[in-house]
Protein backbone atom coordinates (compact mmCIF):
# COMPACT_ATOMS: atom_id res chain seq x y z
CA UNK A 1 34.13 3.68 0.11
CA UNK A 2 33.53 1.23 3.04
CA UNK A 3 35.32 -2.10 2.86
CA UNK A 4 35.16 -5.92 4.11
CA UNK A 5 31.58 -5.18 5.41
CA UNK A 6 28.92 -7.68 5.40
CA UNK A 7 24.94 -7.33 6.06
CA UNK A 8 22.43 -9.66 6.65
CA UNK A 9 18.92 -9.08 5.05
CA UNK A 10 15.73 -11.03 6.63
CA UNK A 11 12.81 -10.68 4.95
CA UNK A 12 9.57 -12.44 3.96
CA UNK A 13 9.94 -12.00 0.07
CA UNK A 14 13.14 -11.73 -2.44
CA UNK A 15 12.74 -10.55 -5.85
CA UNK A 16 16.01 -12.25 -6.87
CA UNK A 17 14.27 -15.89 -6.88
CA UNK A 18 11.56 -16.83 -9.15
CA UNK A 19 8.46 -17.20 -7.23
CA UNK A 20 9.97 -14.97 -4.31
CA UNK A 21 7.52 -11.77 -4.86
CA UNK A 22 4.32 -10.51 -3.93
CA UNK A 23 4.87 -6.79 -3.40
CA UNK A 24 7.66 -3.99 -3.53
CA UNK A 25 9.55 -5.21 -0.64
CA UNK A 26 10.93 -7.83 -2.69
CA UNK A 27 12.07 -5.61 -5.37
CA UNK A 28 14.22 -3.84 -2.71
CA UNK A 29 15.26 -6.94 -1.07
CA UNK A 30 16.64 -8.03 -4.38
CA UNK A 31 18.09 -4.59 -5.52
CA UNK A 32 19.41 -3.18 -2.51
CA UNK A 33 21.96 -5.70 -1.80
CA UNK A 34 23.38 -5.49 -5.36
CA UNK A 35 23.98 -1.85 -5.01
CA UNK A 36 25.50 -2.23 -1.51
CA UNK A 37 27.76 -4.49 -2.63
CA UNK A 38 29.62 -1.99 -5.15
CA UNK A 39 30.16 0.02 -2.37
CA UNK A 40 32.31 -2.61 -0.65
CA UNK A 41 29.41 -4.44 1.57
CA UNK A 42 28.91 -8.18 0.77
CA UNK A 43 25.23 -8.73 1.26
CA UNK A 44 23.15 -12.09 1.93
CA UNK A 45 19.59 -12.55 2.06
CA UNK A 46 17.25 -14.96 4.06
CA UNK A 47 13.95 -15.54 3.67
CA UNK A 48 11.53 -18.99 3.79
CA UNK A 49 11.67 -21.47 1.22
CA UNK A 50 7.73 -21.95 1.03
CA UNK A 51 8.03 -25.55 -0.04
CA UNK A 52 9.25 -24.22 -3.29
CA UNK A 53 12.48 -22.07 -3.42
CA UNK A 54 14.55 -24.67 -2.02
CA UNK A 55 14.20 -26.59 -5.35
CA UNK A 56 15.09 -23.79 -7.77
CA UNK A 57 17.83 -24.61 -10.40
CA UNK A 58 20.90 -24.79 -8.95
CA UNK A 59 19.96 -24.68 -5.12
CA UNK A 60 22.55 -26.38 -2.62
CA UNK A 61 22.07 -27.01 0.65
CA UNK A 62 24.12 -24.96 3.32
CA UNK A 63 23.20 -26.03 6.70
CA UNK A 64 20.69 -27.38 9.19
CA UNK A 65 19.82 -25.94 12.31
CA UNK A 66 18.17 -27.10 15.36
CA UNK A 67 15.84 -24.57 16.68
CA UNK A 68 13.86 -24.19 19.87
CA UNK A 69 10.50 -23.30 18.83
CA UNK A 70 6.86 -24.10 20.39
CA UNK A 71 7.84 -26.25 22.99
CA UNK A 72 10.21 -28.46 20.58
CA UNK A 73 13.11 -28.53 18.98
CA UNK A 74 12.41 -28.44 15.21
CA UNK A 75 15.42 -29.04 12.34
CA UNK A 76 15.50 -26.68 9.69
CA UNK A 77 17.61 -26.90 6.43
CA UNK A 78 19.38 -23.71 5.15
CA UNK A 79 19.60 -23.79 1.30
CA UNK A 80 21.75 -21.41 -1.16
CA UNK A 81 20.01 -20.30 -4.11
CA UNK A 82 21.35 -18.33 -7.34
CA UNK A 83 19.81 -15.36 -7.72
CA UNK A 84 19.55 -12.19 -10.02
CA UNK A 85 22.73 -10.82 -9.12
CA UNK A 86 25.66 -13.53 -8.92
CA UNK A 87 27.77 -11.47 -6.01
CA UNK A 88 24.88 -11.47 -3.60
CA UNK A 89 24.18 -14.73 -1.80
CA UNK A 90 20.52 -16.06 -1.47
CA UNK A 91 19.45 -18.13 1.34
CA UNK A 92 16.06 -19.91 1.97
CA UNK A 93 15.26 -21.74 5.01
CA UNK A 94 13.17 -24.92 4.47
CA UNK A 95 10.44 -26.28 7.28
CA UNK A 96 7.21 -27.89 6.58
CA UNK A 97 5.78 -24.59 8.82
CA UNK A 98 6.47 -22.36 5.69
CA UNK A 99 4.24 -24.18 3.87
CA UNK A 100 1.21 -24.32 5.61
CA UNK A 101 -1.65 -22.63 3.51
CA UNK A 102 -0.24 -23.92 0.16
CA UNK A 103 3.27 -24.71 -1.22
CA UNK A 104 4.71 -21.60 -2.69
CA UNK A 105 2.29 -19.20 -1.07
CA UNK A 106 4.14 -16.54 0.62
CA UNK A 107 1.40 -14.83 2.75
CA UNK A 108 -1.83 -16.32 3.89
CA UNK A 109 -5.65 -14.75 4.67
CA UNK A 110 -6.72 -16.02 8.24
CA UNK A 111 -10.29 -15.64 9.11
CA UNK A 112 -10.94 -12.03 10.32
CA UNK A 113 -11.11 -12.98 14.06
CA UNK A 114 -7.53 -14.54 14.13
CA UNK A 115 -5.66 -11.94 11.49
CA UNK A 116 -2.24 -12.81 11.10
CA UNK A 117 -2.29 -16.06 12.95
CA UNK A 118 -0.76 -18.53 10.50
CA UNK A 119 1.99 -15.87 9.00
CA UNK A 120 2.87 -14.72 12.47
CA UNK A 121 3.85 -18.36 13.38
CA UNK A 122 5.76 -19.60 10.59
CA UNK A 123 7.65 -15.73 10.59
CA UNK A 124 8.31 -16.26 14.41
CA UNK A 125 10.08 -19.53 13.23
CA UNK A 126 12.21 -17.73 10.72
CA UNK A 127 13.23 -15.26 13.31
CA UNK A 128 14.05 -17.81 15.69
CA UNK A 129 16.13 -19.92 12.79
CA UNK A 130 17.82 -16.58 11.84
CA UNK A 131 18.66 -15.97 15.38
CA UNK A 132 19.71 -19.70 15.95
CA UNK A 133 21.94 -20.09 12.85
CA UNK A 134 24.16 -16.55 13.86
CA UNK A 135 24.00 -17.16 17.47
CA UNK A 136 26.35 -20.82 16.76
CA UNK A 137 28.25 -19.20 13.62
CA UNK A 138 32.06 -18.31 14.27
CA UNK A 139 32.60 -15.32 15.51
CA UNK A 140 34.50 -14.02 12.17
CA UNK A 141 31.68 -15.46 9.92
CA UNK A 142 28.90 -12.90 11.82
CA UNK A 143 27.68 -9.86 9.94
CA UNK A 144 28.37 -6.21 10.88
CA UNK A 145 24.62 -5.38 10.24
CA UNK A 146 21.32 -7.47 10.26
CA UNK A 147 18.90 -5.63 8.12
CA UNK A 148 15.38 -6.64 9.09
CA UNK A 149 12.55 -6.17 6.76
CA UNK A 150 8.63 -5.25 7.94
CA UNK A 151 7.18 -7.12 10.71
CA UNK A 152 7.37 -10.28 9.43
CA UNK A 153 11.40 -10.52 10.37
CA UNK A 154 10.67 -8.26 13.35
CA UNK A 155 10.94 -11.20 16.17
CA UNK A 156 14.25 -11.37 15.74
CA UNK A 157 14.40 -8.02 17.65
CA UNK A 158 12.61 -9.58 20.37
CA UNK A 159 15.14 -12.81 20.36
CA UNK A 160 18.35 -10.57 20.49
CA UNK A 161 17.02 -8.46 23.23
CA UNK A 162 15.60 -10.92 25.75
CA UNK A 163 16.84 -14.95 24.84
CA UNK A 164 19.28 -15.77 27.14
CA UNK A 165 20.30 -18.34 24.18
CA UNK A 166 21.41 -15.89 21.90
CA UNK A 167 23.82 -13.74 23.37
CA UNK A 168 25.98 -12.87 20.45
CA UNK A 169 23.20 -11.11 18.70
CA UNK A 170 23.38 -8.63 21.03
CA UNK A 171 26.96 -7.46 19.57
CA UNK A 172 25.28 -7.18 16.11
CA UNK A 173 24.02 -3.83 14.98
CA UNK A 174 20.27 -4.41 13.90
CA UNK A 175 18.37 -2.37 11.86
CA UNK A 176 14.75 -2.59 10.73
CA UNK A 177 13.03 -0.97 7.54
CA UNK A 178 9.46 -0.16 7.60
CA UNK A 179 7.98 -0.74 4.17
CA UNK A 180 4.18 -0.55 5.18
CA UNK A 181 3.01 0.69 8.90
CA UNK A 182 -0.48 -0.70 7.76
CA UNK A 183 0.70 -4.43 8.33
CA UNK A 184 1.69 -4.65 11.98
CA UNK A 185 1.14 -8.78 12.50
CA UNK A 186 -0.40 -8.18 16.05
CA UNK A 187 -1.08 -11.46 17.76
CA UNK A 188 -1.78 -12.05 21.76
CA UNK A 189 1.04 -12.50 24.09
CA UNK A 190 -0.58 -15.95 25.48
CA UNK A 191 -3.88 -18.31 25.23
CA UNK A 192 -3.28 -19.24 21.21
CA UNK A 193 -1.64 -21.76 19.27
CA UNK A 194 -0.18 -18.50 17.41
CA UNK A 195 0.48 -16.42 20.35
CA UNK A 196 4.38 -14.89 21.76
CA UNK A 197 4.23 -17.26 24.41
CA UNK A 198 3.52 -20.45 22.59
CA UNK A 199 6.12 -19.68 20.32
CA UNK A 200 8.75 -18.84 23.18
CA UNK A 201 7.45 -20.59 26.38
CA UNK A 202 10.16 -20.07 28.50
CA UNK A 203 11.58 -16.29 27.16
CA UNK A 204 11.38 -13.93 29.65
CA UNK A 205 10.72 -10.78 28.43
CA UNK A 206 9.43 -7.36 29.07
CA UNK A 207 6.08 -6.58 28.67
CA UNK A 208 6.29 -3.02 27.93
CA UNK A 209 8.93 -3.93 25.22
CA UNK A 210 6.44 -5.72 22.94
CA UNK A 211 2.95 -4.84 23.61
CA UNK A 212 0.72 -3.40 21.19
CA UNK A 213 -0.06 0.21 22.09
CA UNK A 214 -3.79 -0.26 22.15
CA UNK A 215 -4.30 -4.13 22.93
CA UNK A 216 -2.17 -4.43 25.98
CA UNK A 217 -2.74 -8.54 25.79
CA UNK A 218 -1.15 -8.63 22.68
CA UNK A 219 2.32 -8.60 20.99
CA UNK A 220 3.04 -6.02 18.19
CA UNK A 221 5.92 -7.08 15.91
CA UNK A 222 6.19 -3.66 14.12
CA UNK A 223 6.09 -1.86 17.79
CA UNK A 224 8.83 -4.25 18.93
CA UNK A 225 11.23 -3.55 16.56
CA UNK A 226 10.82 0.34 16.14
CA UNK A 227 11.45 0.13 20.27
CA UNK A 228 14.19 -2.36 20.06
CA UNK A 229 16.04 -1.84 16.96
CA UNK A 230 19.58 0.45 16.90
CA UNK A 231 18.03 2.14 13.65
CA UNK A 232 14.72 2.38 11.96
CA UNK A 233 14.27 3.74 8.52
CA UNK A 234 11.54 4.01 6.31
CA UNK A 235 12.05 4.08 2.21
CA UNK A 236 11.31 7.71 1.42
CA UNK A 237 11.72 10.87 3.76
CA UNK A 238 8.26 12.26 3.55
CA UNK A 239 7.00 9.24 4.49
CA UNK A 240 9.45 9.26 7.58
CA UNK A 241 7.69 12.59 8.98
CA UNK A 242 4.01 11.43 7.68
CA UNK A 243 4.06 8.40 10.00
CA UNK A 244 4.97 10.47 13.05
CA UNK A 245 1.57 12.08 12.53
CA UNK A 246 -1.48 10.56 14.15
CA UNK A 247 -4.45 8.89 11.02
CA UNK A 248 -7.02 11.36 10.86
CA UNK A 249 -9.83 8.64 8.60
CA UNK A 250 -12.04 12.39 8.41
CA UNK A 251 -9.39 13.83 6.09
CA UNK A 252 -8.30 10.81 4.24
CA UNK A 253 -4.79 11.18 5.98
CA UNK A 254 -2.65 7.50 6.91
CA UNK A 255 -0.24 8.38 9.11
CA UNK A 256 1.63 6.28 12.08
CA UNK A 257 -1.59 3.89 12.64
CA UNK A 258 -1.25 3.79 16.24
CA UNK A 259 2.36 3.66 16.16
CA UNK A 260 3.52 7.53 15.96
CA UNK A 261 4.07 8.06 19.33
CA UNK A 262 6.86 5.52 19.29
CA UNK A 263 7.85 6.92 16.14
CA UNK A 264 8.38 10.49 17.47
CA UNK A 265 10.45 9.21 20.30
CA UNK A 266 12.52 6.92 17.75
CA UNK A 267 12.78 10.23 15.77
CA UNK A 268 13.92 12.68 18.87
CA UNK A 269 17.04 9.87 19.77
CA UNK A 270 18.22 10.31 15.94
CA UNK A 271 16.72 6.73 15.39
CA UNK A 272 14.39 7.20 12.56
CA UNK A 273 15.79 7.78 9.28
CA UNK A 274 14.26 8.10 5.80
CA UNK A 275 16.02 6.81 2.70
CA UNK A 276 14.33 6.92 -0.50
CA UNK A 277 14.42 3.53 -2.78
CA UNK A 278 16.08 3.40 -6.03
CA UNK A 279 15.47 2.25 -9.56
CA UNK A 280 17.88 0.79 -11.99
CA UNK A 281 18.33 2.17 -15.34
CA UNK A 282 21.22 0.25 -16.92
CA UNK A 283 18.91 -3.08 -17.42
CA UNK A 284 17.87 -3.76 -20.65
CA UNK A 285 14.16 -3.81 -21.36
CA UNK A 286 12.23 -6.34 -23.71
CA UNK A 287 10.81 -4.13 -26.48
CA UNK A 288 7.41 -5.07 -27.43
CA UNK A 289 5.45 -3.97 -29.90
CA UNK A 290 1.65 -3.11 -29.84
CA UNK A 291 1.07 -5.74 -32.31
CA UNK A 292 2.81 -8.32 -30.18
CA UNK A 293 1.67 -6.30 -26.62
CA UNK A 294 -2.42 -7.00 -28.13
CA UNK A 295 -2.10 -10.63 -28.61
CA UNK A 296 0.16 -11.15 -25.17
CA UNK A 297 -2.57 -9.43 -23.44
CA UNK A 298 -5.42 -11.76 -24.83
CA UNK A 299 -3.37 -14.95 -24.09
CA UNK A 300 -2.88 -13.87 -20.46
CA UNK A 301 -6.53 -13.21 -20.27
CA UNK A 302 -7.64 -16.13 -21.61
CA UNK A 303 -4.80 -18.27 -19.27
CA UNK A 304 -6.83 -16.48 -16.27
CA UNK A 305 -10.37 -17.13 -17.71
CA UNK A 306 -9.34 -21.03 -18.22
CA UNK A 307 -8.17 -21.49 -14.36
CA UNK A 308 -11.46 -19.40 -13.66
CA UNK A 309 -13.75 -20.16 -16.04
CA UNK A 310 -16.85 -18.88 -13.98
CA UNK A 311 -15.15 -15.05 -13.19
CA UNK A 312 -16.96 -12.64 -15.25
CA UNK A 313 -13.73 -10.07 -15.04
CA UNK A 314 -11.83 -11.94 -17.19
CA UNK A 315 -14.91 -12.42 -19.73
CA UNK A 316 -15.09 -8.90 -19.90
CA UNK A 317 -11.59 -8.10 -20.24
CA UNK A 318 -11.38 -10.62 -23.10
CA UNK A 319 -14.42 -8.97 -24.78
CA UNK A 320 -12.83 -5.50 -24.50
CA UNK A 321 -9.03 -6.62 -26.07
CA UNK A 322 -11.23 -8.59 -29.21
CA UNK A 323 -12.43 -5.16 -30.10
CA UNK A 324 -9.43 -3.19 -29.40
CA UNK A 325 -8.23 -2.61 -33.04
CA UNK A 326 -4.64 -3.46 -33.99
CA UNK A 327 -3.07 -0.12 -34.35
CA UNK A 328 -2.14 1.33 -30.95
CA UNK A 329 -5.23 3.70 -29.42
CA UNK A 330 -4.04 7.22 -29.86
CA UNK A 331 -4.03 7.66 -25.84
CA UNK A 332 -3.20 4.84 -23.67
CA UNK A 333 -3.67 5.76 -19.99
CA UNK A 334 -2.25 2.59 -17.75
CA UNK A 335 -2.25 1.91 -13.87
CA UNK A 336 -0.34 -0.92 -12.36
CA UNK A 337 -0.64 -2.26 -8.80
CA UNK A 338 -2.40 -4.67 -6.04
CA UNK A 339 -5.54 -3.76 -5.51
CA UNK A 340 -5.81 -2.85 -1.62
CA UNK A 341 -6.92 0.29 0.33
CA UNK A 342 -3.93 1.99 -0.24
CA UNK A 343 -3.63 1.65 -3.92
CA UNK A 344 -7.35 1.45 -5.10
CA UNK A 345 -9.59 3.52 -2.79
CA UNK A 346 -8.93 6.89 -4.50
CA UNK A 347 -9.82 5.00 -8.05
CA UNK A 348 -13.40 4.04 -7.03
CA UNK A 349 -13.82 7.04 -4.32
CA UNK A 350 -16.77 9.37 -5.35
CA UNK A 351 -16.38 12.98 -5.48
CA UNK A 352 -18.67 15.61 -5.59
CA UNK A 353 -20.78 14.21 -8.71
CA UNK A 354 -21.42 10.80 -6.58
CA UNK A 355 -19.71 9.00 -9.30
CA UNK A 356 -16.10 7.04 -8.78
CA UNK A 357 -12.90 8.96 -9.73
CA UNK A 358 -12.36 6.03 -12.33
CA UNK A 359 -15.79 6.42 -14.07
CA UNK A 360 -14.86 10.73 -14.26
CA UNK A 361 -11.76 10.08 -16.15
CA UNK A 362 -13.40 7.52 -18.36
CA UNK A 363 -15.77 10.18 -19.19
CA UNK A 364 -12.61 12.54 -20.28
CA UNK A 365 -11.57 9.99 -22.61
CA UNK A 366 -12.43 10.53 -26.32
CA UNK A 367 -12.52 8.23 -29.37
CA UNK A 368 -9.51 5.92 -29.56
CA UNK A 369 -8.56 6.73 -26.31
CA UNK A 370 -8.16 3.52 -23.60
CA UNK A 371 -7.35 3.14 -19.50
CA UNK A 372 -5.52 -0.11 -19.26
CA UNK A 373 -5.44 -1.37 -15.57
CA UNK A 374 -3.44 -4.23 -14.43
CA UNK A 375 -3.69 -5.40 -11.17
CA UNK A 376 -5.67 -7.97 -8.47
CA UNK A 377 -5.84 -8.29 -4.96
CA UNK A 378 -8.91 -7.72 -2.61
CA UNK A 379 -12.19 -8.94 -3.78
CA UNK A 380 -14.21 -5.61 -3.00
CA UNK A 381 -12.10 -3.37 -5.07
CA UNK A 382 -12.06 -6.27 -8.01
CA UNK A 383 -15.66 -6.08 -7.70
CA UNK A 384 -15.80 -2.20 -7.93
CA UNK A 385 -13.17 -1.56 -10.55
CA UNK A 386 -15.28 -4.65 -12.66
CA UNK A 387 -18.46 -2.96 -12.20
CA UNK A 388 -17.00 0.66 -13.59
CA UNK A 389 -15.72 -1.29 -16.65
CA UNK A 390 -19.02 -2.93 -17.47
CA UNK A 391 -20.37 0.90 -17.42
CA UNK A 392 -17.42 2.26 -19.51
CA UNK A 393 -16.17 0.59 -23.00
CA UNK A 394 -12.86 2.56 -22.72
CA UNK A 395 -11.67 0.41 -19.96
CA UNK A 396 -9.30 -2.72 -19.67
CA UNK A 397 -9.20 -4.05 -16.63
CA UNK A 398 -6.65 -7.04 -16.48
CA UNK A 399 -7.56 -8.48 -13.02
CA UNK A 400 -4.46 -10.49 -12.33
CA UNK A 401 -0.48 -10.30 -11.86
CA UNK A 402 1.61 -10.72 -14.79
CA UNK A 403 5.27 -9.50 -14.77
CA UNK A 404 5.42 -10.23 -18.59
CA UNK A 405 2.99 -7.68 -19.42
CA UNK A 406 3.92 -4.95 -16.78
CA UNK A 407 7.15 -3.84 -18.50
CA UNK A 408 5.30 -3.25 -22.24
CA UNK A 409 2.34 -1.73 -20.28
CA UNK A 410 4.82 0.88 -19.03
CA UNK A 411 6.39 1.20 -22.03
CA UNK A 412 3.10 1.66 -24.24
CA UNK A 413 1.63 4.12 -22.04
CA UNK A 414 1.01 7.86 -22.50
CA UNK A 415 -0.08 8.44 -18.96
CA UNK A 416 0.26 6.82 -15.53
CA UNK A 417 -1.95 6.84 -12.77
CA UNK A 418 -1.17 6.15 -9.04
CA UNK A 419 -3.36 7.85 -6.54
CA UNK A 420 -2.31 5.51 -3.56
CA UNK A 421 -3.81 7.21 -0.42
CA UNK A 422 -0.38 6.98 1.17
CA UNK A 423 3.14 5.39 -0.33
CA UNK A 424 5.98 4.67 2.02
CA UNK A 425 7.98 4.91 -1.48
CA UNK A 426 6.49 3.33 -4.90
CA UNK A 427 8.68 1.75 -7.35
CA UNK A 428 5.30 2.34 -10.54
CA UNK A 429 6.01 5.31 -10.83
CA UNK A 430 9.90 5.28 -11.10
CA UNK A 431 9.26 2.45 -13.92
CA UNK A 432 6.67 4.56 -15.63
CA UNK A 433 8.86 7.79 -15.73
CA UNK A 434 12.00 5.54 -16.83
CA UNK A 435 9.75 4.78 -19.71
CA UNK A 436 9.57 8.42 -20.33
CA UNK A 437 5.49 7.97 -19.12
CA UNK A 438 4.61 10.91 -17.14
CA UNK A 439 2.53 10.02 -13.84
CA UNK A 440 -0.51 11.35 -12.21
CA UNK A 441 0.20 10.73 -8.57
CA UNK A 442 -1.24 11.74 -4.95
CA UNK A 443 0.95 13.96 -3.38
CA UNK A 444 2.29 11.57 -0.25
CA UNK A 445 5.28 9.68 0.93
CA UNK A 446 7.58 8.78 -2.07
CA UNK A 447 5.35 9.94 -4.51
CA UNK A 448 5.74 13.73 -3.59
CA UNK A 449 9.51 12.44 -3.21
CA UNK A 450 10.15 11.66 -6.93
CA UNK A 451 7.21 13.44 -8.86
CA UNK A 452 7.51 17.22 -9.68
CA UNK A 453 4.27 18.76 -10.57
CA UNK A 454 4.23 20.43 -14.10
CA UNK A 455 7.92 19.26 -14.89
CA UNK A 456 7.93 15.59 -14.72
CA UNK A 457 4.59 14.78 -14.01
CA UNK A 458 1.28 15.97 -12.04
CA UNK A 459 0.72 15.92 -8.48
CA UNK A 460 -2.67 16.56 -6.80
CA UNK A 461 -3.63 16.73 -3.32
CA UNK A 462 -7.20 17.34 -1.04
CA UNK A 463 -8.43 18.08 2.60
CA UNK A 464 -10.40 14.67 2.58
CA UNK A 465 -11.46 11.75 0.42
CA UNK A 466 -13.95 13.47 -1.55
CA UNK A 467 -11.77 16.53 -2.82
CA UNK A 468 -8.67 14.17 -3.32
CA UNK A 469 -11.29 12.34 -5.86
CA UNK A 470 -12.13 15.49 -7.37
CA UNK A 471 -8.25 16.71 -7.26
CA UNK A 472 -7.39 12.81 -9.25
CA UNK A 473 -9.72 13.75 -11.88
CA UNK A 474 -9.33 17.23 -12.71
CA UNK A 475 -5.59 16.82 -12.44
CA UNK A 476 -6.09 14.16 -14.82
CA UNK A 477 -8.12 16.03 -16.97
CA UNK A 478 -5.39 18.84 -17.64
CA UNK A 479 -2.70 16.46 -18.15
CA UNK A 480 -5.05 14.91 -21.02
CA UNK A 481 -5.69 18.68 -22.27
CA UNK A 482 -1.95 19.33 -22.04
CA UNK A 483 -1.31 16.47 -24.06
CA UNK A 484 -3.53 17.38 -26.78
CA UNK A 485 -3.31 20.88 -27.02
CA UNK A 486 0.40 21.66 -26.17
CA UNK A 487 2.52 18.54 -27.66
CA UNK A 488 5.73 20.68 -27.12
CA UNK A 489 5.10 21.38 -23.58
CA UNK A 490 3.77 17.66 -22.95
CA UNK A 491 7.57 16.13 -24.60
CA UNK A 492 9.46 18.44 -22.05
CA UNK A 493 7.32 16.72 -19.21
CA UNK A 494 8.05 13.43 -20.97
CA UNK A 495 11.89 13.74 -21.43
CA UNK A 496 11.96 15.20 -17.87
CA UNK A 497 10.63 12.40 -16.71
CA UNK A 498 12.81 10.28 -18.56
CA UNK A 499 16.08 11.69 -17.18
CA UNK A 500 15.06 11.79 -13.50
CA UNK A 501 17.32 9.66 -11.69
CA UNK A 502 16.55 7.76 -8.31
CA UNK A 503 19.71 5.97 -8.56
CA UNK A 504 20.29 2.58 -6.21
CA UNK A 505 23.66 3.81 -5.67
CA UNK A 506 22.62 6.78 -4.09
CA UNK A 507 20.21 4.90 -1.93
CA UNK A 508 22.79 2.66 -1.01
CA UNK A 509 25.68 5.15 -0.13
CA UNK A 510 23.16 7.04 1.89
CA UNK A 511 21.82 3.58 3.58
CA UNK A 512 25.21 2.88 4.60
CA UNK A 513 26.29 6.37 6.14
CA UNK A 514 23.02 6.94 7.88
CA UNK A 515 21.57 3.71 8.71
CA UNK A 516 24.21 1.29 8.95
CA UNK A 517 26.65 3.89 10.55
CA UNK A 518 29.23 2.59 8.43
CA UNK A 519 28.89 -0.50 10.48
CA UNK A 520 31.36 0.79 13.36
CA UNK A 521 28.68 0.83 15.81
């Protein structure tokens, strides 16, 4: 076991803090540091405070940093905040820039003609603050590894490589994790208040090291980190291979999203590694019977309806829940996730019949069988699923985010649907399997790495969107038939799913060996 090593995580999210999570990156940033601690690594996680996280109970101010940014000197305050794991240090940075777009809001959606403008500025400032704080620290206090997560933390690589004011950073091993290549944070090099030369007007950078492969007048932070980090890793081995291939919309294949050449180059240099994320199995989960879950769902929908009284989605969900009986339905299908293109395209995609896959699956359900969908996201997907639910009385669409409902829904489901168009790793399928619920998954990325067709769940593929939608429906139908007609075989799959382990301890050991290089570089 490697001892006396330290790693600093830099990320936009941290699931260890109440209000610090939006997506799966927050789970990794919460869980991996705790597993690293068991291998002798001391972990610190630093994120923006977003105007609220530094006010959590037990927060104490640790330091103040004077940061050169956008032609001025800004003061940023660093706070230490208690998190889920006492041995992991959680830091947040307070500055007004992080509360732009609303206090407590992690990401902001700009106008279509200025994508990422607000977020890129605040995350560039995050990296400038972290870089300044580290560079001003004593040598003995510096981490052995700086671990950056997604494009939000990638600007750190820019400063490490080119800033004459951050010399110490060049001696710190820097690794970069790609959680989702679809979001790259591209902004102009100049000529905009949210641009590289506005943020860092005195920086003498090499344009070829930061340019977007398609837009030569833009910085692509994801591409910058791929070029400049010591090691790049993704959160599953299959995703690491997929992103070295060119995306093919005609075949509905999502690959390198324009960065495949850079990734192939990194792979040829042995700088690209795929390490599967983990899941915790020893944590107690709150057991909730159907008689408790049903009123909890009704109460949550009522709360959403009070906040959005004109939203017909909540009205329909409330009506459907009122008609659900006090006895648990004979079959409960569940789907939990963000409603974005990655997660929801195949739910609403049409097969040869011309009808959406979700509607076809609803047609496979008999009396006393129901499909519960929990999630929210982009309006077009929310609308599409609502319209399908309107036509199918056995679909209950819970349009929102609720951790309180997610765990019991995993526990009460009989079959979990996760037809992601691509999936860097995925945690939902692991949580469902942990609850002895087999999954129907698209055999891409981490889904293909975690679900074994016919043994722990059901895997489908397809050569284009239509065939994928048809395969999704057919595979779900086969799973339902197996449960109805061969209960013993079904129970074997449930048991195999529940006993399959994707352990964070293994992920941590692999990360130390293959990504951190034991911290010796």
